[in-house]
């Protein structure tokens, strides 16, 4: 269930997962340890997998003041960049907040929340999502973004899906050794709207392992 102190105050959004109605959507939070880690690209990939392969009624909410969906809507759907639009069976909601989330929980089977770079104000809502996907770049010049979010990561260590696109295998092993975080490398997927066999198998494991038992 969605609880919020005020419709216009997105800082107080709360997903009550213990009392979640069976008809409510499964929520998937996608966030990253800084800009340029691939959160939005991965959110689109996962959404298209769920719609095309799992046959789920799926929507993606771009959380708050990001702008990627505005550009996507203009290019793919001819929209003005602010209104919801659909591409290949997935619905997209640019710059969403508590109002859109509350409405969509009853209209879809799966909701993906694209938080982009995870910041303090949005961390509590990300923690409450039914499936948490956290992306990081393990390149040496970007690993600071991961380390500065270490306290949040400790809260979700066992439940989160830790994912990476960038970084060497040596860096991945070192992060696992030092911080006990086992990052999985996302298969190469240049087109977020095309789900190949390798990507489908990868996303299927996350979906099957993480989804609530009542789905």
N, C-alpha and C. Protein backbone atom coordinates (compact mmCIF):
# COMPACT_ATOMS: atom_id res chain seq x y z
N UNK A 1 0.84 -1.19 0.00
CA UNK A 1 0.00 0.00 0.00
C UNK A 1 0.88 1.25 0.00
N UNK A 2 0.35 2.33 -0.55
CA UNK A 2 1.06 3.59 -0.57
C UNK A 2 0.54 4.46 0.55
N UNK A 3 1.44 5.00 1.35
CA UNK A 3 1.05 5.95 2.38
C UNK A 3 1.87 7.20 2.19
N UNK A 4 1.22 8.36 2.25
CA UNK A 4 1.93 9.62 2.12
C UNK A 4 1.21 10.68 2.93
N UNK A 5 1.97 11.56 3.55
CA UNK A 5 1.38 12.58 4.40
C UNK A 5 0.60 13.60 3.59
N UNK A 6 1.00 13.81 2.38
CA UNK A 6 0.36 14.82 1.55
C UNK A 6 0.61 14.45 0.10
N UNK A 7 -0.39 14.63 -0.77
CA UNK A 7 -0.23 14.22 -2.17
C UNK A 7 0.92 14.94 -2.84
N UNK A 8 1.18 16.16 -2.40
CA UNK A 8 2.24 16.92 -3.04
C UNK A 8 3.60 16.74 -2.42
N UNK A 9 3.66 16.00 -1.32
CA UNK A 9 4.92 15.83 -0.61
C UNK A 9 5.48 14.44 -0.87
N UNK A 10 6.35 14.32 -1.87
CA UNK A 10 6.87 13.01 -2.23
C UNK A 10 7.92 12.51 -1.26
N UNK A 11 8.40 13.36 -0.36
CA UNK A 11 9.41 12.93 0.60
C UNK A 11 8.84 11.99 1.64
N UNK A 12 7.51 11.95 1.80
CA UNK A 12 6.89 11.14 2.84
C UNK A 12 6.25 9.87 2.29
N UNK A 13 6.56 9.52 1.04
CA UNK A 13 5.99 8.31 0.45
C UNK A 13 6.42 7.09 1.23
N UNK A 14 5.47 6.18 1.46
CA UNK A 14 5.81 4.94 2.14
C UNK A 14 5.04 3.80 1.51
N UNK A 15 5.77 2.74 1.14
CA UNK A 15 5.14 1.52 0.65
C UNK A 15 5.02 0.56 1.81
N UNK A 16 3.79 0.25 2.23
CA UNK A 16 3.59 -0.67 3.35
C UNK A 16 3.58 -2.08 2.81
N UNK A 17 4.77 -2.69 2.72
CA UNK A 17 4.89 -4.00 2.10
C UNK A 17 4.26 -5.10 2.94
N UNK A 18 4.15 -4.92 4.24
CA UNK A 18 3.56 -5.95 5.09
C UNK A 18 2.06 -6.05 4.89
N UNK A 19 1.43 -4.91 4.51
CA UNK A 19 -0.01 -4.92 4.33
C UNK A 19 -0.38 -4.74 2.86
N UNK A 20 0.55 -5.08 1.98
CA UNK A 20 0.32 -4.89 0.56
C UNK A 20 -0.83 -5.74 0.06
N UNK A 21 -1.80 -5.12 -0.56
CA UNK A 21 -2.94 -5.82 -1.12
C UNK A 21 -2.48 -6.73 -2.24
N UNK A 22 -3.12 -7.88 -2.39
CA UNK A 22 -2.70 -8.85 -3.41
C UNK A 22 -2.83 -8.28 -4.81
N UNK A 23 -3.73 -7.27 -4.95
CA UNK A 23 -3.94 -6.68 -6.27
C UNK A 23 -2.90 -5.62 -6.60
N UNK A 24 -2.13 -5.19 -5.62
CA UNK A 24 -1.13 -4.17 -5.87
C UNK A 24 0.00 -4.71 -6.73
N UNK A 25 0.67 -3.78 -7.40
CA UNK A 25 1.78 -4.17 -8.27
C UNK A 25 2.99 -4.62 -7.47
N UNK A 26 3.79 -5.49 -8.07
CA UNK A 26 5.13 -5.75 -7.57
C UNK A 26 5.96 -4.51 -7.90
N UNK A 27 6.71 -4.00 -6.93
CA UNK A 27 7.53 -2.81 -7.15
C UNK A 27 9.00 -3.21 -7.29
N UNK A 28 9.63 -2.67 -8.32
CA UNK A 28 11.04 -2.92 -8.58
C UNK A 28 11.76 -1.57 -8.58
N UNK A 29 12.64 -1.38 -7.62
CA UNK A 29 13.43 -0.15 -7.57
C UNK A 29 14.74 -0.33 -8.30
N UNK A 30 15.06 0.61 -9.17
CA UNK A 30 16.34 0.59 -9.89
C UNK A 30 17.07 1.88 -9.56
N UNK A 31 18.23 1.76 -8.95
CA UNK A 31 19.00 2.93 -8.54
C UNK A 31 20.48 2.66 -8.77
N UNK A 32 21.27 3.72 -8.70
CA UNK A 32 22.70 3.57 -8.98
C UNK A 32 23.54 4.39 -8.02
N UNK A 33 24.83 4.06 -8.00
CA UNK A 33 25.80 4.76 -7.16
C UNK A 33 26.41 5.92 -7.92
N UNK A 34 25.57 6.81 -8.42
CA UNK A 34 26.06 7.95 -9.17
C UNK A 34 25.57 7.96 -10.60
N UNK A 35 25.86 9.04 -11.29
CA UNK A 35 25.43 9.21 -12.68
C UNK A 35 26.24 8.30 -13.60
N UNK A 36 25.61 7.90 -14.71
CA UNK A 36 26.32 7.16 -15.74
C UNK A 36 26.60 5.72 -15.43
N UNK A 37 25.82 5.12 -14.51
CA UNK A 37 26.02 3.70 -14.17
C UNK A 37 25.04 2.78 -14.89
N UNK A 38 24.11 3.33 -15.66
CA UNK A 38 23.22 2.51 -16.46
C UNK A 38 21.88 2.19 -15.84
N UNK A 39 21.44 2.94 -14.83
CA UNK A 39 20.18 2.63 -14.16
C UNK A 39 18.98 2.73 -15.10
N UNK A 40 18.88 3.81 -15.85
CA UNK A 40 17.72 3.99 -16.73
C UNK A 40 17.72 2.95 -17.85
N UNK A 41 18.87 2.68 -18.42
CA UNK A 41 18.96 1.66 -19.47
C UNK A 41 18.52 0.30 -18.93
N UNK A 42 18.96 -0.04 -17.72
CA UNK A 42 18.58 -1.32 -17.13
C UNK A 42 17.09 -1.35 -16.80
N UNK A 43 16.53 -0.24 -16.32
CA UNK A 43 15.10 -0.19 -16.03
C UNK A 43 14.28 -0.46 -17.28
N UNK A 44 14.71 0.11 -18.40
CA UNK A 44 14.00 -0.13 -19.66
C UNK A 44 14.13 -1.59 -20.10
N UNK A 45 15.32 -2.14 -19.97
CA UNK A 45 15.53 -3.55 -20.32
C UNK A 45 14.62 -4.46 -19.49
N UNK A 46 14.59 -4.25 -18.19
CA UNK A 46 13.80 -5.09 -17.30
C UNK A 46 12.31 -4.94 -17.62
N UNK A 47 11.87 -3.71 -17.87
CA UNK A 47 10.47 -3.47 -18.20
C UNK A 47 10.07 -4.18 -19.49
N UNK A 48 10.91 -4.11 -20.50
CA UNK A 48 10.59 -4.76 -21.77
C UNK A 48 10.62 -6.28 -21.64
N UNK A 49 11.51 -6.79 -20.81
CA UNK A 49 11.50 -8.23 -20.54
C UNK A 49 10.19 -8.65 -19.88
N UNK A 50 9.76 -7.92 -18.87
CA UNK A 50 8.55 -8.28 -18.13
C UNK A 50 7.32 -8.21 -19.02
N UNK A 51 7.26 -7.22 -19.90
CA UNK A 51 6.11 -7.08 -20.78
C UNK A 51 6.11 -8.13 -21.89
N UNK A 52 7.28 -8.39 -22.49
CA UNK A 52 7.35 -9.27 -23.65
C UNK A 52 7.45 -10.74 -23.30
N UNK A 53 8.21 -11.06 -22.25
CA UNK A 53 8.47 -12.46 -21.91
C UNK A 53 7.54 -12.96 -20.81
N UNK A 54 7.43 -12.18 -19.72
CA UNK A 54 6.57 -12.60 -18.61
C UNK A 54 5.11 -12.21 -18.81
N UNK A 55 4.85 -11.38 -19.82
CA UNK A 55 3.49 -10.94 -20.15
C UNK A 55 2.82 -10.22 -18.99
N UNK A 56 3.57 -9.34 -18.34
CA UNK A 56 3.05 -8.56 -17.23
C UNK A 56 2.65 -7.15 -17.70
N UNK A 57 1.57 -6.65 -17.13
CA UNK A 57 1.17 -5.27 -17.35
C UNK A 57 2.17 -4.40 -16.60
N UNK A 58 3.01 -3.67 -17.35
CA UNK A 58 4.20 -3.06 -16.77
C UNK A 58 4.25 -1.57 -17.04
N UNK A 59 4.70 -0.82 -16.03
CA UNK A 59 4.94 0.62 -16.18
C UNK A 59 6.27 0.97 -15.53
N UNK A 60 6.89 2.02 -16.05
CA UNK A 60 8.13 2.54 -15.48
C UNK A 60 7.89 3.99 -15.06
N UNK A 61 8.18 4.29 -13.80
CA UNK A 61 8.04 5.64 -13.29
C UNK A 61 9.42 6.27 -13.13
N UNK A 62 9.64 7.35 -13.84
CA UNK A 62 10.87 8.12 -13.68
C UNK A 62 10.69 8.99 -12.45
N UNK A 63 11.49 8.72 -11.42
CA UNK A 63 11.22 9.35 -10.13
C UNK A 63 11.72 10.79 -10.09
N UNK A 64 10.79 11.65 -9.81
CA UNK A 64 11.02 13.08 -9.58
C UNK A 64 11.60 13.81 -10.77
N UNK A 65 12.70 14.52 -10.60
CA UNK A 65 13.09 15.54 -11.57
C UNK A 65 14.14 15.09 -12.58
N UNK A 66 14.10 13.84 -12.98
CA UNK A 66 14.98 13.40 -14.06
C UNK A 66 14.36 13.82 -15.40
N UNK A 67 15.13 13.71 -16.46
CA UNK A 67 14.65 14.22 -17.76
C UNK A 67 14.75 13.22 -18.90
N UNK A 68 15.27 12.02 -18.64
CA UNK A 68 15.50 11.06 -19.73
C UNK A 68 14.20 10.65 -20.40
N UNK A 69 13.13 10.44 -19.62
CA UNK A 69 11.87 9.97 -20.20
C UNK A 69 11.23 11.05 -21.07
N UNK A 70 11.46 12.30 -20.74
CA UNK A 70 10.95 13.37 -21.59
C UNK A 70 11.52 13.28 -22.99
N UNK A 71 12.81 13.03 -23.08
CA UNK A 71 13.45 12.87 -24.39
C UNK A 71 12.97 11.59 -25.08
N UNK A 72 12.82 10.53 -24.30
CA UNK A 72 12.36 9.26 -24.86
C UNK A 72 10.96 9.41 -25.44
N UNK A 73 10.07 10.11 -24.73
CA UNK A 73 8.71 10.30 -25.21
C UNK A 73 8.65 11.09 -26.50
N UNK A 74 9.50 12.10 -26.60
CA UNK A 74 9.53 12.92 -27.82
C UNK A 74 9.99 12.11 -29.02
N UNK A 75 11.00 11.27 -28.82
CA UNK A 75 11.59 10.52 -29.92
C UNK A 75 10.75 9.31 -30.32
N UNK A 76 10.28 8.54 -29.32
CA UNK A 76 9.62 7.26 -29.60
C UNK A 76 8.11 7.36 -29.73
N UNK A 77 7.51 8.36 -29.10
CA UNK A 77 6.04 8.42 -29.11
C UNK A 77 5.49 9.76 -29.58
N UNK A 78 6.37 10.70 -29.86
CA UNK A 78 5.92 12.00 -30.34
C UNK A 78 5.19 12.81 -29.29
N UNK A 79 5.44 12.50 -28.00
CA UNK A 79 4.78 13.22 -26.93
C UNK A 79 5.56 14.49 -26.58
N UNK A 80 4.95 15.31 -25.69
CA UNK A 80 5.56 16.58 -25.36
C UNK A 80 6.68 16.48 -24.32
N UNK A 81 6.91 15.28 -23.81
CA UNK A 81 7.98 15.09 -22.85
C UNK A 81 7.53 15.12 -21.42
N UNK A 82 6.27 15.44 -21.16
CA UNK A 82 5.76 15.48 -19.79
C UNK A 82 4.64 14.48 -19.54
N UNK A 83 3.88 14.16 -20.59
CA UNK A 83 2.74 13.25 -20.43
C UNK A 83 3.18 11.79 -20.49
N UNK A 84 2.43 10.89 -19.84
CA UNK A 84 2.72 9.44 -19.96
C UNK A 84 2.62 9.00 -21.41
N UNK A 85 3.39 7.97 -21.78
CA UNK A 85 3.37 7.45 -23.13
C UNK A 85 3.67 5.97 -23.09
N UNK A 86 3.42 5.29 -24.21
CA UNK A 86 3.65 3.84 -24.29
C UNK A 86 4.59 3.53 -25.44
N UNK A 87 5.47 2.55 -25.23
CA UNK A 87 6.35 2.04 -26.27
C UNK A 87 6.42 0.53 -26.12
N UNK A 88 6.01 -0.19 -27.15
CA UNK A 88 6.10 -1.65 -27.19
C UNK A 88 5.48 -2.32 -25.96
N UNK A 89 4.32 -1.82 -25.57
CA UNK A 89 3.56 -2.47 -24.51
C UNK A 89 3.95 -2.08 -23.10
N UNK A 90 4.88 -1.15 -22.95
CA UNK A 90 5.27 -0.65 -21.63
C UNK A 90 4.85 0.81 -21.53
N UNK A 91 4.27 1.20 -20.40
CA UNK A 91 3.87 2.58 -20.17
C UNK A 91 4.94 3.31 -19.37
N UNK A 92 5.21 4.55 -19.76
CA UNK A 92 6.26 5.35 -19.13
C UNK A 92 5.66 6.64 -18.56
N UNK A 93 6.09 6.98 -17.34
CA UNK A 93 5.60 8.16 -16.64
C UNK A 93 6.78 9.07 -16.30
N UNK A 94 6.97 10.15 -17.07
CA UNK A 94 8.09 11.06 -16.79
C UNK A 94 7.90 11.82 -15.48
N UNK A 95 8.99 12.09 -14.79
CA UNK A 95 9.03 12.94 -13.60
C UNK A 95 7.87 12.65 -12.65
N UNK A 96 7.80 11.42 -12.19
CA UNK A 96 6.68 10.98 -11.36
C UNK A 96 6.94 11.21 -9.88
N UNK A 97 5.85 11.13 -9.11
CA UNK A 97 5.94 11.27 -7.66
C UNK A 97 4.87 10.44 -6.99
N UNK A 98 4.48 10.85 -5.81
CA UNK A 98 3.55 10.07 -4.98
C UNK A 98 2.20 9.87 -5.66
N UNK A 99 1.71 10.89 -6.34
CA UNK A 99 0.38 10.78 -6.97
C UNK A 99 0.38 9.71 -8.05
N UNK A 100 1.37 9.73 -8.92
CA UNK A 100 1.44 8.74 -10.00
C UNK A 100 1.65 7.33 -9.44
N UNK A 101 2.50 7.22 -8.42
CA UNK A 101 2.76 5.91 -7.82
C UNK A 101 1.50 5.32 -7.21
N UNK A 102 0.76 6.14 -6.47
CA UNK A 102 -0.46 5.65 -5.84
C UNK A 102 -1.47 5.16 -6.85
N UNK A 103 -1.60 5.87 -7.97
CA UNK A 103 -2.56 5.46 -9.00
C UNK A 103 -2.10 4.20 -9.71
N UNK A 104 -0.82 4.12 -10.02
CA UNK A 104 -0.32 3.00 -10.81
C UNK A 104 -0.27 1.69 -10.04
N UNK A 105 -0.19 1.75 -8.72
CA UNK A 105 -0.13 0.53 -7.92
C UNK A 105 -1.33 -0.38 -8.17
N UNK A 106 -2.46 0.22 -8.51
CA UNK A 106 -3.68 -0.56 -8.74
C UNK A 106 -3.92 -0.87 -10.21
N UNK A 107 -3.16 -0.24 -11.10
CA UNK A 107 -3.43 -0.38 -12.53
C UNK A 107 -2.48 -1.36 -13.23
N UNK A 108 -1.36 -1.70 -12.59
CA UNK A 108 -0.35 -2.53 -13.24
C UNK A 108 0.01 -3.72 -12.37
N UNK A 109 0.57 -4.73 -13.02
CA UNK A 109 1.07 -5.88 -12.29
C UNK A 109 2.49 -5.66 -11.77
N UNK A 110 3.28 -4.89 -12.53
CA UNK A 110 4.66 -4.59 -12.12
C UNK A 110 4.94 -3.11 -12.36
N UNK A 111 5.53 -2.47 -11.35
CA UNK A 111 5.98 -1.08 -11.46
C UNK A 111 7.48 -1.02 -11.24
N UNK A 112 8.19 -0.43 -12.18
CA UNK A 112 9.61 -0.16 -11.99
C UNK A 112 9.77 1.31 -11.67
N UNK A 113 10.50 1.61 -10.60
CA UNK A 113 10.80 2.98 -10.23
C UNK A 113 12.26 3.26 -10.56
N UNK A 114 12.48 4.17 -11.50
CA UNK A 114 13.83 4.54 -11.91
C UNK A 114 14.28 5.74 -11.07
N UNK A 115 15.09 5.47 -10.04
CA UNK A 115 15.57 6.54 -9.17
C UNK A 115 16.80 7.24 -9.72
N UNK A 116 17.44 6.64 -10.73
CA UNK A 116 18.71 7.19 -11.19
C UNK A 116 19.72 7.10 -10.07
N UNK A 117 20.55 8.12 -9.93
CA UNK A 117 21.54 8.16 -8.85
C UNK A 117 20.82 8.24 -7.51
N UNK A 118 21.05 7.28 -6.64
CA UNK A 118 20.31 7.19 -5.38
C UNK A 118 20.80 8.26 -4.41
N UNK A 119 19.86 9.11 -3.98
CA UNK A 119 20.17 10.17 -3.03
C UNK A 119 19.39 9.96 -1.74
N UNK A 120 19.79 10.68 -0.70
CA UNK A 120 19.26 10.44 0.64
C UNK A 120 17.75 10.56 0.71
N UNK A 121 17.16 11.53 0.02
CA UNK A 121 15.72 11.75 0.12
C UNK A 121 14.92 10.58 -0.42
N UNK A 122 15.48 9.85 -1.39
CA UNK A 122 14.75 8.76 -2.04
C UNK A 122 15.12 7.38 -1.53
N UNK A 123 16.17 7.30 -0.71
CA UNK A 123 16.63 6.00 -0.24
C UNK A 123 15.56 5.22 0.52
N UNK A 124 14.78 5.82 1.43
CA UNK A 124 13.77 5.04 2.17
C UNK A 124 12.76 4.34 1.25
N UNK A 125 12.33 5.02 0.17
CA UNK A 125 11.37 4.40 -0.75
C UNK A 125 12.03 3.27 -1.53
N UNK A 126 13.27 3.47 -1.94
CA UNK A 126 13.99 2.41 -2.64
C UNK A 126 14.09 1.17 -1.76
N UNK A 127 14.41 1.35 -0.47
CA UNK A 127 14.53 0.22 0.45
C UNK A 127 13.24 -0.59 0.53
N UNK A 128 12.09 0.06 0.34
CA UNK A 128 10.80 -0.60 0.51
C UNK A 128 10.31 -1.33 -0.74
N UNK A 129 10.99 -1.16 -1.86
CA UNK A 129 10.56 -1.84 -3.09
C UNK A 129 10.69 -3.35 -2.92
N UNK A 130 9.79 -4.09 -3.57
CA UNK A 130 9.81 -5.54 -3.45
C UNK A 130 11.06 -6.17 -4.02
N UNK A 131 11.61 -5.59 -5.08
CA UNK A 131 12.87 -6.03 -5.70
C UNK A 131 13.76 -4.80 -5.83
N UNK A 132 14.97 -4.87 -5.33
CA UNK A 132 15.91 -3.74 -5.39
C UNK A 132 17.08 -4.10 -6.29
N UNK A 133 17.30 -3.30 -7.31
CA UNK A 133 18.43 -3.48 -8.22
C UNK A 133 19.33 -2.26 -8.10
N UNK A 134 20.55 -2.49 -7.63
CA UNK A 134 21.48 -1.40 -7.39
C UNK A 134 22.67 -1.54 -8.32
N UNK A 135 22.88 -0.51 -9.16
CA UNK A 135 23.94 -0.55 -10.15
C UNK A 135 25.10 0.34 -9.73
N UNK A 136 26.29 -0.09 -10.06
CA UNK A 136 27.48 0.72 -9.78
C UNK A 136 28.50 0.52 -10.88
N UNK A 137 29.29 1.53 -11.10
CA UNK A 137 30.46 1.41 -11.97
C UNK A 137 31.65 1.10 -11.09
N UNK A 138 32.38 0.03 -11.40
CA UNK A 138 33.55 -0.34 -10.61
C UNK A 138 34.85 0.16 -11.23
N UNK A 139 34.72 1.10 -12.17
CA UNK A 139 35.92 1.78 -12.66
C UNK A 139 36.56 2.57 -11.52
N UNK A 140 37.88 2.64 -11.52
CA UNK A 140 38.58 3.27 -10.40
C UNK A 140 38.12 4.70 -10.14
N UNK A 141 37.79 5.45 -11.18
CA UNK A 141 37.44 6.85 -11.00
C UNK A 141 35.97 7.05 -10.61
N UNK A 142 35.21 5.93 -10.52
CA UNK A 142 33.81 6.06 -10.12
C UNK A 142 33.46 5.28 -8.86
N UNK A 143 34.38 4.52 -8.35
CA UNK A 143 34.05 3.66 -7.22
C UNK A 143 33.75 4.45 -5.95
N UNK A 144 34.17 5.73 -5.93
CA UNK A 144 33.84 6.58 -4.79
C UNK A 144 32.35 6.74 -4.60
N UNK A 145 31.58 6.74 -5.70
CA UNK A 145 30.14 6.84 -5.60
C UNK A 145 29.52 5.65 -4.89
N UNK A 146 30.16 4.49 -5.03
CA UNK A 146 29.70 3.30 -4.33
C UNK A 146 30.05 3.38 -2.84
N UNK A 147 31.26 3.79 -2.54
CA UNK A 147 31.72 3.79 -1.15
C UNK A 147 30.98 4.82 -0.31
N UNK A 148 30.58 5.95 -0.89
CA UNK A 148 29.89 6.97 -0.10
C UNK A 148 28.46 6.56 0.22
N UNK A 149 27.96 5.50 -0.42
CA UNK A 149 26.62 4.97 -0.13
C UNK A 149 26.71 3.66 0.66
N UNK A 150 27.84 3.44 1.26
CA UNK A 150 28.10 2.17 1.92
C UNK A 150 27.10 1.88 3.04
N UNK A 151 26.73 2.88 3.82
CA UNK A 151 25.80 2.65 4.93
C UNK A 151 24.43 2.19 4.43
N UNK A 152 23.98 2.75 3.32
CA UNK A 152 22.70 2.30 2.75
C UNK A 152 22.83 0.87 2.26
N UNK A 153 23.95 0.58 1.63
CA UNK A 153 24.16 -0.76 1.08
C UNK A 153 24.13 -1.81 2.17
N UNK A 154 24.69 -1.49 3.33
CA UNK A 154 24.71 -2.44 4.44
C UNK A 154 23.30 -2.83 4.88
N UNK A 155 22.34 -1.89 4.71
CA UNK A 155 20.97 -2.18 5.09
C UNK A 155 20.32 -3.22 4.18
N UNK A 156 20.75 -3.28 2.94
CA UNK A 156 20.10 -4.17 1.98
C UNK A 156 21.01 -5.24 1.43
N UNK A 157 22.11 -5.52 2.12
CA UNK A 157 23.15 -6.39 1.56
C UNK A 157 22.61 -7.73 1.07
N UNK A 158 21.75 -8.38 1.85
CA UNK A 158 21.30 -9.72 1.50
C UNK A 158 20.16 -9.71 0.48
N UNK A 159 19.40 -8.62 0.43
CA UNK A 159 18.21 -8.61 -0.41
C UNK A 159 18.42 -7.98 -1.78
N UNK A 160 19.37 -7.06 -1.90
CA UNK A 160 19.52 -6.33 -3.14
C UNK A 160 20.19 -7.17 -4.23
N UNK A 161 19.92 -6.79 -5.46
CA UNK A 161 20.63 -7.33 -6.62
C UNK A 161 21.70 -6.31 -7.00
N UNK A 162 22.97 -6.66 -6.82
CA UNK A 162 24.07 -5.75 -7.13
C UNK A 162 24.55 -6.01 -8.55
N UNK A 163 24.47 -4.96 -9.38
CA UNK A 163 24.70 -5.12 -10.81
C UNK A 163 25.73 -4.13 -11.31
N UNK A 164 26.44 -4.52 -12.35
CA UNK A 164 27.46 -3.65 -12.93
C UNK A 164 27.51 -3.81 -14.44
N UNK A 165 27.88 -2.73 -15.11
CA UNK A 165 28.17 -2.75 -16.54
C UNK A 165 29.65 -2.47 -16.76
N UNK A 166 30.18 -1.50 -16.00
CA UNK A 166 31.54 -1.04 -16.20
C UNK A 166 32.44 -1.49 -15.05
N UNK A 167 33.68 -1.80 -15.39
CA UNK A 167 34.66 -2.21 -14.40
C UNK A 167 35.26 -3.56 -14.75
N UNK A 168 36.48 -3.77 -14.30
CA UNK A 168 37.19 -5.00 -14.63
C UNK A 168 36.77 -6.14 -13.72
N UNK A 169 37.10 -7.35 -14.13
CA UNK A 169 36.82 -8.52 -13.30
C UNK A 169 37.66 -8.46 -12.02
N UNK A 170 38.85 -7.92 -12.12
CA UNK A 170 39.70 -7.77 -10.94
C UNK A 170 39.04 -6.84 -9.92
N UNK A 171 38.48 -5.73 -10.41
CA UNK A 171 37.81 -4.79 -9.51
C UNK A 171 36.58 -5.43 -8.87
N UNK A 172 35.85 -6.21 -9.66
CA UNK A 172 34.67 -6.89 -9.12
C UNK A 172 35.06 -7.83 -7.99
N UNK A 173 36.11 -8.60 -8.18
CA UNK A 173 36.56 -9.54 -7.15
C UNK A 173 37.05 -8.80 -5.90
N UNK A 174 37.72 -7.67 -6.11
CA UNK A 174 38.24 -6.90 -4.98
C UNK A 174 37.09 -6.31 -4.14
N UNK A 175 36.05 -5.82 -4.80
CA UNK A 175 34.89 -5.29 -4.07
C UNK A 175 34.21 -6.40 -3.29
N UNK A 176 34.12 -7.58 -3.88
CA UNK A 176 33.51 -8.70 -3.16
C UNK A 176 34.38 -9.10 -1.96
N UNK A 177 35.69 -9.09 -2.14
CA UNK A 177 36.59 -9.50 -1.05
C UNK A 177 36.56 -8.49 0.10
N UNK A 178 36.61 -7.21 -0.24
CA UNK A 178 36.74 -6.18 0.79
C UNK A 178 35.42 -5.81 1.44
N UNK A 179 34.35 -5.79 0.63
CA UNK A 179 33.07 -5.28 1.14
C UNK A 179 31.97 -6.35 1.16
N UNK A 180 32.29 -7.55 0.73
CA UNK A 180 31.33 -8.66 0.73
C UNK A 180 30.08 -8.33 -0.10
N UNK A 181 30.30 -7.68 -1.24
CA UNK A 181 29.24 -7.35 -2.18
C UNK A 181 29.52 -8.08 -3.49
N UNK A 182 28.64 -8.98 -3.84
CA UNK A 182 28.84 -9.80 -5.04
C UNK A 182 28.11 -9.17 -6.22
N UNK A 183 28.82 -8.37 -7.00
CA UNK A 183 28.21 -7.73 -8.16
C UNK A 183 28.13 -8.70 -9.33
N UNK A 184 27.00 -8.66 -10.02
CA UNK A 184 26.81 -9.45 -11.23
C UNK A 184 26.98 -8.53 -12.44
N UNK A 185 27.67 -9.01 -13.45
CA UNK A 185 27.85 -8.21 -14.65
C UNK A 185 26.65 -8.38 -15.57
N UNK A 186 26.04 -7.27 -15.94
CA UNK A 186 24.89 -7.29 -16.84
C UNK A 186 25.37 -7.63 -18.26
N UNK A 187 24.71 -8.56 -18.95
CA UNK A 187 25.12 -8.87 -20.33
C UNK A 187 25.04 -7.63 -21.22
N UNK A 188 25.90 -7.59 -22.21
CA UNK A 188 25.92 -6.46 -23.14
C UNK A 188 24.58 -6.38 -23.87
N UNK A 189 23.98 -5.19 -23.84
CA UNK A 189 22.67 -4.99 -24.47
C UNK A 189 22.58 -3.55 -24.97
N UNK A 190 23.04 -3.27 -26.19
CA UNK A 190 23.04 -1.90 -26.68
C UNK A 190 21.65 -1.32 -26.92
N UNK A 191 20.66 -2.19 -27.15
CA UNK A 191 19.30 -1.73 -27.42
C UNK A 191 18.39 -2.14 -26.26
N UNK A 192 17.89 -1.16 -25.52
CA UNK A 192 17.05 -1.44 -24.35
C UNK A 192 15.69 -2.00 -24.71
N UNK A 193 15.34 -1.95 -25.98
CA UNK A 193 14.02 -2.42 -26.41
C UNK A 193 14.09 -3.79 -27.09
N UNK A 194 15.27 -4.39 -27.11
CA UNK A 194 15.44 -5.70 -27.73
C UNK A 194 16.05 -6.64 -26.69
N UNK A 195 15.30 -7.70 -26.35
CA UNK A 195 15.73 -8.63 -25.31
C UNK A 195 16.23 -9.92 -25.95
N UNK A 196 17.54 -10.08 -25.94
CA UNK A 196 18.13 -11.30 -26.48
C UNK A 196 18.05 -12.45 -25.50
N UNK A 197 18.48 -13.62 -25.96
CA UNK A 197 18.37 -14.83 -25.13
C UNK A 197 19.20 -14.72 -23.85
N UNK A 198 20.42 -14.21 -23.97
CA UNK A 198 21.28 -14.10 -22.78
C UNK A 198 20.70 -13.13 -21.77
N UNK A 199 20.19 -12.00 -22.25
CA UNK A 199 19.60 -11.02 -21.35
C UNK A 199 18.33 -11.56 -20.71
N UNK A 200 17.52 -12.26 -21.48
CA UNK A 200 16.28 -12.84 -20.93
C UNK A 200 16.59 -13.82 -19.80
N UNK A 201 17.62 -14.64 -19.99
CA UNK A 201 18.01 -15.59 -18.95
C UNK A 201 18.50 -14.87 -17.70
N UNK A 202 19.26 -13.80 -17.89
CA UNK A 202 19.78 -13.03 -16.76
C UNK A 202 18.65 -12.38 -15.97
N UNK A 203 17.72 -11.74 -16.65
CA UNK A 203 16.62 -11.06 -15.97
C UNK A 203 15.64 -12.06 -15.35
N UNK A 204 15.49 -13.20 -15.99
CA UNK A 204 14.61 -14.24 -15.44
C UNK A 204 15.08 -14.68 -14.06
N UNK A 205 16.39 -14.78 -13.88
CA UNK A 205 16.93 -15.20 -12.58
C UNK A 205 16.61 -14.17 -11.50
N UNK A 206 16.74 -12.89 -11.83
CA UNK A 206 16.41 -11.85 -10.85
C UNK A 206 14.93 -11.88 -10.52
N UNK A 207 14.10 -12.01 -11.54
CA UNK A 207 12.64 -12.03 -11.35
C UNK A 207 12.22 -13.24 -10.53
N UNK A 208 12.68 -14.40 -10.87
CA UNK A 208 12.25 -15.61 -10.19
C UNK A 208 12.78 -15.67 -8.76
N UNK A 209 14.00 -15.19 -8.55
CA UNK A 209 14.61 -15.25 -7.23
C UNK A 209 14.01 -14.22 -6.28
N UNK A 210 13.63 -13.09 -6.79
CA UNK A 210 13.30 -11.95 -5.93
C UNK A 210 11.81 -11.68 -5.78
N UNK A 211 11.01 -12.13 -6.71
CA UNK A 211 9.61 -11.72 -6.69
C UNK A 211 8.90 -12.30 -5.47
N UNK A 212 7.88 -11.58 -4.96
CA UNK A 212 7.12 -12.08 -3.83
C UNK A 212 6.44 -13.39 -4.14
N UNK A 213 6.23 -14.23 -3.15
CA UNK A 213 5.68 -15.56 -3.36
C UNK A 213 4.26 -15.60 -3.82
N UNK A 214 3.54 -14.49 -3.67
CA UNK A 214 2.13 -14.53 -4.07
C UNK A 214 1.92 -14.18 -5.53
N UNK A 215 3.03 -13.98 -6.30
CA UNK A 215 2.87 -13.63 -7.72
C UNK A 215 2.90 -14.88 -8.58
